[in-house]
Amino acid sequence: MGALTISACATSNGPPPGLLENADYGPPPTEAEFFRVAEEEIRNSLIDPDSGRFDWPNPIVRGYWPETGYSRAGYFGYFTCGRINARNRMGGYTGRKPFAVVYRYGRILYSNIADSTYGDIAMLCASTQWEQNFSWTEEAETQSDPALKPTNDITGQD
């Protein structure tokens, strides 16, 4: 995979030097396996797991998912962003919210549902150059807004 840059509101904390050359991404998953495991993980975080309606507009990408304000670490593996519409505590659907999922060796290493259109996940997932924006180069200089604190009305978590 060629050297690409991270854009949007990701932090500048890429993988330690030398890790890119020896990165372990695991074997590539089939789309069916990736989506099955990812949907199970996301459903487990919802107030009403059976209400989740998924949309997968982006391809699955092999690379490095950057550290964001909430993950505290970056991940090598296969990842994508999707959108989910699920019921909140009042029983109403919240509208499609972006989420990110990182997969390696048959399990989800990281998943997060965006809380607003301005947080790290929402900005990374909204990229119009999806595949070009998710591999680390040491030249990438980006900023994260630490003031963005999640409040998620479909997971019930602050």
N, C-alpha and C. Protein backbone atom coordinates (compact mmCIF):
# COMPACT_ATOMS: atom_id res chain seq x y z
N MET A 1 0.85 -1.17 0.00
CA MET A 1 0.00 0.00 0.00
C MET A 1 0.90 1.24 0.00
N GLY A 2 0.62 2.19 -0.84
CA GLY A 2 1.45 3.37 -0.95
C GLY A 2 1.30 4.31 0.23
N ALA A 3 2.22 5.24 0.33
CA ALA A 3 2.16 6.23 1.42
C ALA A 3 1.07 7.25 1.11
N LEU A 4 0.14 7.38 2.02
CA LEU A 4 -0.99 8.30 1.86
C LEU A 4 -1.09 9.16 3.09
N THR A 5 -2.00 10.10 3.11
CA THR A 5 -2.11 10.99 4.26
C THR A 5 -3.45 10.87 4.96
N ILE A 6 -3.47 11.25 6.22
CA ILE A 6 -4.70 11.32 6.99
C ILE A 6 -5.18 12.75 6.92
N SER A 7 -6.47 12.93 6.73
CA SER A 7 -7.01 14.29 6.73
C SER A 7 -8.11 14.39 7.76
N ALA A 8 -8.78 15.49 7.80
CA ALA A 8 -9.90 15.77 8.72
C ALA A 8 -9.36 16.03 10.11
N CYS A 9 -10.05 15.53 11.14
CA CYS A 9 -9.71 15.87 12.51
C CYS A 9 -8.99 14.77 13.25
N ALA A 10 -8.20 13.98 12.58
CA ALA A 10 -7.44 12.94 13.27
C ALA A 10 -6.26 13.58 13.98
N THR A 11 -5.74 12.88 14.96
CA THR A 11 -4.56 13.40 15.64
C THR A 11 -3.33 13.10 14.81
N SER A 12 -2.20 13.68 15.16
CA SER A 12 -0.97 13.44 14.42
C SER A 12 -0.18 12.29 15.02
N ASN A 13 -0.76 11.50 15.89
CA ASN A 13 -0.08 10.38 16.51
C ASN A 13 -0.19 9.16 15.62
N GLY A 14 0.75 9.00 14.71
CA GLY A 14 0.78 7.84 13.83
C GLY A 14 1.49 6.69 14.51
N PRO A 15 1.69 5.62 13.78
CA PRO A 15 2.38 4.48 14.37
C PRO A 15 3.83 4.83 14.66
N PRO A 16 4.44 4.20 15.67
CA PRO A 16 5.85 4.47 15.95
C PRO A 16 6.70 4.14 14.73
N PRO A 17 7.83 4.85 14.57
CA PRO A 17 8.70 4.60 13.42
C PRO A 17 9.07 3.12 13.33
N GLY A 18 9.07 2.61 12.11
CA GLY A 18 9.44 1.23 11.87
C GLY A 18 8.28 0.26 11.90
N LEU A 19 7.14 0.64 12.46
CA LEU A 19 6.01 -0.29 12.52
C LEU A 19 5.32 -0.49 11.18
N LEU A 20 5.34 0.52 10.32
CA LEU A 20 4.67 0.38 9.03
C LEU A 20 5.25 -0.76 8.22
N GLU A 21 6.58 -0.91 8.26
CA GLU A 21 7.23 -1.94 7.47
C GLU A 21 6.90 -3.34 7.98
N ASN A 22 6.64 -3.48 9.28
CA ASN A 22 6.38 -4.79 9.89
C ASN A 22 4.95 -4.93 10.38
N ALA A 23 4.05 -4.12 9.89
CA ALA A 23 2.66 -4.13 10.38
C ALA A 23 1.98 -5.46 10.10
N ASP A 24 1.22 -5.94 11.07
CA ASP A 24 0.45 -7.16 10.94
C ASP A 24 -1.02 -6.78 10.79
N TYR A 25 -1.53 -6.90 9.58
CA TYR A 25 -2.92 -6.56 9.30
C TYR A 25 -3.85 -7.76 9.47
N GLY A 26 -3.27 -8.96 9.52
CA GLY A 26 -4.06 -10.17 9.54
C GLY A 26 -4.51 -10.51 8.13
N PRO A 27 -5.11 -11.69 7.97
CA PRO A 27 -5.60 -12.06 6.64
C PRO A 27 -6.81 -11.24 6.25
N PRO A 28 -6.98 -10.96 4.96
CA PRO A 28 -8.13 -10.15 4.54
C PRO A 28 -9.45 -10.90 4.78
N PRO A 29 -10.43 -10.22 5.38
CA PRO A 29 -11.72 -10.87 5.60
C PRO A 29 -12.57 -10.82 4.34
N THR A 30 -13.53 -11.70 4.25
CA THR A 30 -14.53 -11.56 3.19
C THR A 30 -15.46 -10.42 3.62
N GLU A 31 -16.14 -9.82 2.67
CA GLU A 31 -17.10 -8.77 3.04
C GLU A 31 -18.15 -9.31 3.99
N ALA A 32 -18.65 -10.52 3.70
CA ALA A 32 -19.71 -11.10 4.54
C ALA A 32 -19.23 -11.27 5.98
N GLU A 33 -18.00 -11.78 6.16
CA GLU A 33 -17.48 -11.98 7.51
C GLU A 33 -17.25 -10.65 8.21
N PHE A 34 -16.66 -9.69 7.51
CA PHE A 34 -16.41 -8.38 8.08
C PHE A 34 -17.71 -7.75 8.56
N PHE A 35 -18.71 -7.70 7.69
CA PHE A 35 -19.98 -7.06 8.02
C PHE A 35 -20.70 -7.79 9.15
N ARG A 36 -20.65 -9.13 9.15
CA ARG A 36 -21.30 -9.90 10.22
C ARG A 36 -20.71 -9.56 11.58
N VAL A 37 -19.38 -9.61 11.68
CA VAL A 37 -18.70 -9.33 12.95
C VAL A 37 -18.88 -7.87 13.35
N ALA A 38 -18.78 -6.96 12.38
CA ALA A 38 -18.92 -5.53 12.67
C ALA A 38 -20.34 -5.20 13.15
N GLU A 39 -21.33 -5.73 12.47
CA GLU A 39 -22.71 -5.44 12.87
C GLU A 39 -23.02 -6.00 14.25
N GLU A 40 -22.48 -7.17 14.55
CA GLU A 40 -22.68 -7.75 15.89
C GLU A 40 -22.07 -6.83 16.96
N GLU A 41 -20.87 -6.33 16.71
CA GLU A 41 -20.20 -5.44 17.65
C GLU A 41 -20.98 -4.14 17.85
N ILE A 42 -21.40 -3.53 16.76
CA ILE A 42 -22.15 -2.27 16.85
C ILE A 42 -23.50 -2.49 17.53
N ARG A 43 -24.19 -3.56 17.16
CA ARG A 43 -25.49 -3.85 17.79
C ARG A 43 -25.37 -3.98 19.30
N ASN A 44 -24.28 -4.59 19.76
CA ASN A 44 -24.08 -4.78 21.20
C ASN A 44 -23.93 -3.47 21.95
N SER A 45 -23.67 -2.38 21.26
CA SER A 45 -23.51 -1.08 21.92
C SER A 45 -24.79 -0.24 21.88
N LEU A 46 -25.83 -0.73 21.23
CA LEU A 46 -27.07 0.04 21.07
C LEU A 46 -28.03 -0.17 22.23
N ILE A 47 -28.87 0.81 22.47
CA ILE A 47 -29.95 0.68 23.46
C ILE A 47 -30.94 -0.38 23.00
N ASP A 48 -31.28 -0.38 21.70
CA ASP A 48 -32.19 -1.36 21.11
C ASP A 48 -31.44 -2.07 19.98
N PRO A 49 -30.70 -3.14 20.30
CA PRO A 49 -29.86 -3.80 19.30
C PRO A 49 -30.60 -4.27 18.05
N ASP A 50 -31.83 -4.70 18.20
CA ASP A 50 -32.57 -5.21 17.04
C ASP A 50 -33.03 -4.10 16.09
N SER A 51 -32.95 -2.85 16.53
CA SER A 51 -33.43 -1.75 15.69
C SER A 51 -32.38 -1.23 14.71
N GLY A 52 -31.13 -1.67 14.84
CA GLY A 52 -30.06 -1.14 14.00
C GLY A 52 -30.25 -1.43 12.53
N ARG A 53 -30.25 -0.37 11.73
CA ARG A 53 -30.32 -0.47 10.28
C ARG A 53 -29.00 0.05 9.72
N PHE A 54 -28.25 -0.83 9.05
CA PHE A 54 -26.90 -0.52 8.60
C PHE A 54 -26.85 -0.13 7.13
N ASP A 55 -25.91 0.75 6.83
CA ASP A 55 -25.60 1.17 5.47
C ASP A 55 -24.08 1.14 5.36
N TRP A 56 -23.56 0.52 4.31
CA TRP A 56 -22.11 0.37 4.13
C TRP A 56 -21.68 1.07 2.83
N PRO A 57 -21.54 2.40 2.83
CA PRO A 57 -21.22 3.11 1.59
C PRO A 57 -19.75 3.08 1.18
N ASN A 58 -18.86 2.70 2.08
CA ASN A 58 -17.42 2.76 1.80
C ASN A 58 -16.83 1.37 1.67
N PRO A 59 -15.72 1.27 0.92
CA PRO A 59 -15.04 -0.03 0.81
C PRO A 59 -14.30 -0.38 2.10
N ILE A 60 -13.98 -1.63 2.25
CA ILE A 60 -13.12 -2.08 3.35
C ILE A 60 -11.68 -1.79 2.92
N VAL A 61 -10.93 -1.15 3.81
CA VAL A 61 -9.57 -0.71 3.49
C VAL A 61 -8.57 -1.38 4.43
N ARG A 62 -7.45 -1.84 3.88
CA ARG A 62 -6.36 -2.35 4.71
C ARG A 62 -5.43 -1.18 5.00
N GLY A 63 -5.12 -0.96 6.28
CA GLY A 63 -4.24 0.14 6.61
C GLY A 63 -4.18 0.41 8.09
N TYR A 64 -3.89 1.64 8.41
CA TYR A 64 -3.74 2.09 9.79
C TYR A 64 -4.87 3.05 10.12
N TRP A 65 -5.73 2.68 11.08
CA TRP A 65 -6.77 3.59 11.56
C TRP A 65 -6.13 4.46 12.63
N PRO A 66 -6.19 5.77 12.49
CA PRO A 66 -5.46 6.66 13.40
C PRO A 66 -6.06 6.72 14.80
N GLU A 67 -5.21 7.13 15.72
CA GLU A 67 -5.70 7.46 17.06
C GLU A 67 -6.67 8.62 16.92
N THR A 68 -7.80 8.52 17.59
CA THR A 68 -8.75 9.62 17.62
C THR A 68 -8.88 10.06 19.06
N GLY A 69 -9.69 11.06 19.29
CA GLY A 69 -9.86 11.58 20.64
C GLY A 69 -10.35 10.55 21.63
N TYR A 70 -10.98 9.47 21.15
CA TYR A 70 -11.58 8.50 22.06
C TYR A 70 -10.90 7.14 22.02
N SER A 71 -10.11 6.83 20.99
CA SER A 71 -9.52 5.50 20.90
C SER A 71 -8.21 5.37 21.65
N ARG A 72 -7.48 6.47 21.81
CA ARG A 72 -6.21 6.50 22.53
C ARG A 72 -5.12 5.62 21.93
N ALA A 73 -5.38 4.98 20.80
CA ALA A 73 -4.38 4.17 20.12
C ALA A 73 -4.78 4.06 18.66
N GLY A 74 -3.80 3.78 17.83
CA GLY A 74 -4.09 3.51 16.43
C GLY A 74 -4.11 2.01 16.22
N TYR A 75 -4.66 1.57 15.09
CA TYR A 75 -4.83 0.14 14.84
C TYR A 75 -4.46 -0.21 13.41
N PHE A 76 -3.71 -1.29 13.23
CA PHE A 76 -3.49 -1.88 11.92
C PHE A 76 -4.55 -2.94 11.71
N GLY A 77 -5.12 -2.98 10.53
CA GLY A 77 -6.12 -3.99 10.23
C GLY A 77 -6.93 -3.59 9.02
N TYR A 78 -8.15 -4.05 8.98
CA TYR A 78 -9.09 -3.76 7.90
C TYR A 78 -10.22 -2.95 8.51
N PHE A 79 -10.59 -1.86 7.87
CA PHE A 79 -11.58 -0.98 8.46
C PHE A 79 -12.45 -0.34 7.40
N THR A 80 -13.55 0.19 7.88
CA THR A 80 -14.43 0.98 7.05
C THR A 80 -15.30 1.83 7.95
N CYS A 81 -15.99 2.73 7.34
CA CYS A 81 -17.03 3.50 8.02
C CYS A 81 -18.36 3.12 7.40
N GLY A 82 -19.36 3.10 8.22
CA GLY A 82 -20.72 2.86 7.76
C GLY A 82 -21.64 3.87 8.39
N ARG A 83 -22.91 3.67 8.19
CA ARG A 83 -23.92 4.52 8.83
C ARG A 83 -24.96 3.61 9.47
N ILE A 84 -25.47 4.04 10.61
CA ILE A 84 -26.49 3.27 11.30
C ILE A 84 -27.62 4.19 11.74
N ASN A 85 -28.81 3.66 11.64
CA ASN A 85 -30.00 4.34 12.17
C ASN A 85 -30.58 3.37 13.19
N ALA A 86 -30.76 3.81 14.41
CA ALA A 86 -31.26 2.94 15.47
C ALA A 86 -32.17 3.74 16.40
N ARG A 87 -32.93 3.01 17.18
CA ARG A 87 -33.85 3.65 18.12
C ARG A 87 -33.12 4.14 19.36
N ASN A 88 -33.59 5.27 19.87
CA ASN A 88 -33.07 5.80 21.13
C ASN A 88 -33.97 5.34 22.28
N ARG A 89 -33.76 5.89 23.46
CA ARG A 89 -34.55 5.49 24.63
C ARG A 89 -36.04 5.80 24.50
N MET A 90 -36.36 6.77 23.70
CA MET A 90 -37.76 7.16 23.51
C MET A 90 -38.44 6.29 22.44
N GLY A 91 -37.69 5.42 21.78
CA GLY A 91 -38.26 4.54 20.77
C GLY A 91 -38.25 5.09 19.36
N GLY A 92 -37.76 6.33 19.20
CA GLY A 92 -37.70 6.93 17.87
C GLY A 92 -36.35 6.68 17.22
N TYR A 93 -36.35 6.62 15.91
CA TYR A 93 -35.09 6.48 15.18
C TYR A 93 -34.35 7.81 15.19
N THR A 94 -33.03 7.75 15.33
CA THR A 94 -32.21 8.94 15.51
C THR A 94 -31.72 9.55 14.21
N GLY A 95 -31.85 8.85 13.12
CA GLY A 95 -31.26 9.30 11.86
C GLY A 95 -29.91 8.62 11.69
N ARG A 96 -29.44 8.55 10.47
CA ARG A 96 -28.19 7.83 10.20
C ARG A 96 -27.00 8.54 10.82
N LYS A 97 -26.23 7.78 11.59
CA LYS A 97 -25.01 8.30 12.20
C LYS A 97 -23.83 7.49 11.68
N PRO A 98 -22.72 8.17 11.39
CA PRO A 98 -21.55 7.42 10.92
C PRO A 98 -20.91 6.64 12.07
N PHE A 99 -20.28 5.53 11.70
CA PHE A 99 -19.51 4.75 12.66
C PHE A 99 -18.27 4.21 11.96
N ALA A 100 -17.29 3.86 12.75
CA ALA A 100 -16.05 3.27 12.24
C ALA A 100 -15.83 1.93 12.92
N VAL A 101 -15.26 0.99 12.16
CA VAL A 101 -14.97 -0.34 12.68
C VAL A 101 -13.61 -0.78 12.15
N VAL A 102 -12.76 -1.32 13.05
CA VAL A 102 -11.46 -1.88 12.66
C VAL A 102 -11.47 -3.36 13.01
N TYR A 103 -11.11 -4.20 12.04
CA TYR A 103 -11.16 -5.66 12.14
C TYR A 103 -9.77 -6.24 11.92
N ARG A 104 -9.44 -7.26 12.70
CA ARG A 104 -8.21 -8.03 12.47
C ARG A 104 -8.37 -9.40 13.11
N TYR A 105 -7.99 -10.42 12.38
CA TYR A 105 -8.03 -11.81 12.86
C TYR A 105 -9.40 -12.20 13.41
N GLY A 106 -10.46 -11.84 12.70
CA GLY A 106 -11.79 -12.30 13.05
C GLY A 106 -12.48 -11.57 14.18
N ARG A 107 -11.88 -10.49 14.67
CA ARG A 107 -12.54 -9.75 15.75
C ARG A 107 -12.41 -8.25 15.53
N ILE A 108 -13.25 -7.51 16.21
CA ILE A 108 -13.24 -6.05 16.10
C ILE A 108 -12.28 -5.49 17.15
N LEU A 109 -11.30 -4.74 16.69
CA LEU A 109 -10.34 -4.09 17.59
C LEU A 109 -10.87 -2.76 18.10
N TYR A 110 -11.67 -2.10 17.28
CA TYR A 110 -12.16 -0.76 17.61
C TYR A 110 -13.46 -0.52 16.87
N SER A 111 -14.42 0.08 17.57
CA SER A 111 -15.65 0.54 16.92
C SER A 111 -16.14 1.77 17.67
N ASN A 112 -16.75 2.69 16.94
CA ASN A 112 -17.24 3.91 17.55
C ASN A 112 -18.32 4.51 16.67
N ILE A 113 -19.42 4.88 17.28
CA ILE A 113 -20.50 5.57 16.58
C ILE A 113 -20.32 7.07 16.83
N ALA A 114 -20.33 7.84 15.75
CA ALA A 114 -20.14 9.29 15.88
C ALA A 114 -21.31 9.91 16.64
N ASP A 115 -20.99 10.91 17.43
CA ASP A 115 -21.99 11.59 18.24
C ASP A 115 -22.52 12.85 17.60
N SER A 116 -21.78 13.37 16.67
CA SER A 116 -22.19 14.60 16.00
C SER A 116 -21.53 14.63 14.63
N THR A 117 -21.81 15.64 13.87
CA THR A 117 -21.18 15.78 12.56
C THR A 117 -19.82 16.47 12.65
N TYR A 118 -19.35 16.77 13.86
CA TYR A 118 -18.10 17.51 14.00
C TYR A 118 -16.99 16.74 14.70
N GLY A 119 -17.23 15.57 15.23
CA GLY A 119 -16.22 14.81 15.94
C GLY A 119 -15.26 14.10 14.99
N ASP A 120 -14.22 13.50 15.58
CA ASP A 120 -13.21 12.80 14.79
C ASP A 120 -13.80 11.74 13.87
N ILE A 121 -14.65 10.88 14.41
CA ILE A 121 -15.21 9.79 13.61
C ILE A 121 -16.05 10.33 12.47
N ALA A 122 -16.92 11.27 12.76
CA ALA A 122 -17.77 11.83 11.71
C ALA A 122 -16.94 12.48 10.61
N MET A 123 -15.90 13.20 10.98
CA MET A 123 -15.08 13.88 9.98
C MET A 123 -14.27 12.88 9.16
N LEU A 124 -13.69 11.88 9.81
CA LEU A 124 -12.93 10.87 9.07
C LEU A 124 -13.84 10.08 8.14
N CYS A 125 -15.01 9.73 8.62
CA CYS A 125 -15.95 8.94 7.82
C CYS A 125 -16.59 9.74 6.70
N ALA A 126 -16.65 11.04 6.82
CA ALA A 126 -17.28 11.87 5.80
C ALA A 126 -16.35 12.21 4.64
N SER A 127 -15.14 11.74 4.70
CA SER A 127 -14.16 12.07 3.68
C SER A 127 -14.65 11.72 2.28
N THR A 128 -14.43 12.62 1.34
CA THR A 128 -14.80 12.35 -0.04
C THR A 128 -13.72 11.56 -0.77
N GLN A 129 -12.54 11.45 -0.17
CA GLN A 129 -11.47 10.66 -0.75
C GLN A 129 -11.16 9.50 0.20
N TRP A 130 -12.15 8.68 0.43
CA TRP A 130 -12.11 7.66 1.47
C TRP A 130 -10.81 6.86 1.49
N GLU A 131 -10.47 6.15 0.45
CA GLU A 131 -9.29 5.28 0.48
C GLU A 131 -7.99 6.05 0.56
N GLN A 132 -7.95 7.27 0.05
CA GLN A 132 -6.72 8.04 0.05
C GLN A 132 -6.40 8.66 1.41
N ASN A 133 -7.34 8.67 2.32
CA ASN A 133 -7.14 9.40 3.57
C ASN A 133 -6.78 8.55 4.78
N PHE A 134 -6.52 7.26 4.61
CA PHE A 134 -6.39 6.43 5.79
C PHE A 134 -5.14 5.60 5.90
N SER A 135 -4.05 6.04 5.40
CA SER A 135 -2.77 5.42 5.67
C SER A 135 -1.83 6.50 6.14
N TRP A 136 -1.00 6.18 7.05
CA TRP A 136 -0.16 7.16 7.73
C TRP A 136 1.08 7.51 6.93
N THR A 137 1.44 8.78 6.88
CA THR A 137 2.76 9.21 6.45
C THR A 137 3.27 10.15 7.52
N GLU A 138 4.56 10.16 7.74
CA GLU A 138 5.11 11.00 8.80
C GLU A 138 4.95 12.48 8.49
N GLU A 139 4.67 12.83 7.23
CA GLU A 139 4.47 14.24 6.88
C GLU A 139 3.10 14.75 7.29
N ALA A 140 2.19 13.84 7.61
CA ALA A 140 0.82 14.26 7.94
C ALA A 140 0.82 15.08 9.23
N GLU A 141 0.30 16.26 9.15
CA GLU A 141 0.18 17.14 10.31
C GLU A 141 -1.28 17.52 10.43
N THR A 142 -1.98 16.92 11.38
CA THR A 142 -3.39 17.23 11.55
C THR A 142 -3.67 17.50 13.01
N GLN A 143 -4.82 18.04 13.29
CA GLN A 143 -5.19 18.43 14.65
C GLN A 143 -6.47 17.73 15.07
N SER A 144 -6.63 17.52 16.35
CA SER A 144 -7.87 16.99 16.90
C SER A 144 -8.43 18.02 17.86
N ASP A 145 -9.74 18.10 17.96
CA ASP A 145 -10.37 19.03 18.88
C ASP A 145 -10.74 18.29 20.16
N PRO A 146 -9.94 18.41 21.24
CA PRO A 146 -10.22 17.67 22.47
C PRO A 146 -11.48 18.15 23.18
N ALA A 147 -12.04 19.27 22.77
CA ALA A 147 -13.23 19.79 23.42
C ALA A 147 -14.48 19.01 23.03
N LEU A 148 -14.39 18.18 21.98
CA LEU A 148 -15.55 17.42 21.54
C LEU A 148 -15.73 16.20 22.43
N LYS A 149 -16.73 16.23 23.28
CA LYS A 149 -17.01 15.11 24.19
C LYS A 149 -18.25 14.39 23.69
N PRO A 150 -18.19 13.04 23.60
CA PRO A 150 -19.33 12.33 23.06
C PRO A 150 -20.53 12.27 24.00
N THR A 151 -21.69 12.35 23.43
CA THR A 151 -22.93 12.02 24.13
C THR A 151 -23.76 11.29 23.09
N ASN A 152 -23.99 10.01 23.29
CA ASN A 152 -24.60 9.20 22.27
C ASN A 152 -25.98 8.76 22.68
N ASP A 153 -26.99 9.21 21.95
CA ASP A 153 -28.35 8.90 22.33
C ASP A 153 -28.84 7.53 21.86
N ILE A 154 -28.02 6.78 21.10
CA ILE A 154 -28.43 5.42 20.77
C ILE A 154 -27.65 4.36 21.53
N THR A 155 -26.53 4.75 22.15
CA THR A 155 -25.83 3.79 23.00
C THR A 155 -26.09 4.06 24.47
N GLY A 156 -26.58 5.25 24.78
CA GLY A 156 -26.85 5.58 26.17
C GLY A 156 -25.61 5.90 26.97
N GLN A 157 -24.48 6.08 26.27
CA GLN A 157 -23.22 6.37 26.96
C GLN A 157 -22.86 7.83 26.78
N ASP A 158 -22.19 8.39 27.79
CA ASP A 158 -21.69 9.77 27.69
C ASP A 158 -20.30 9.77 27.12
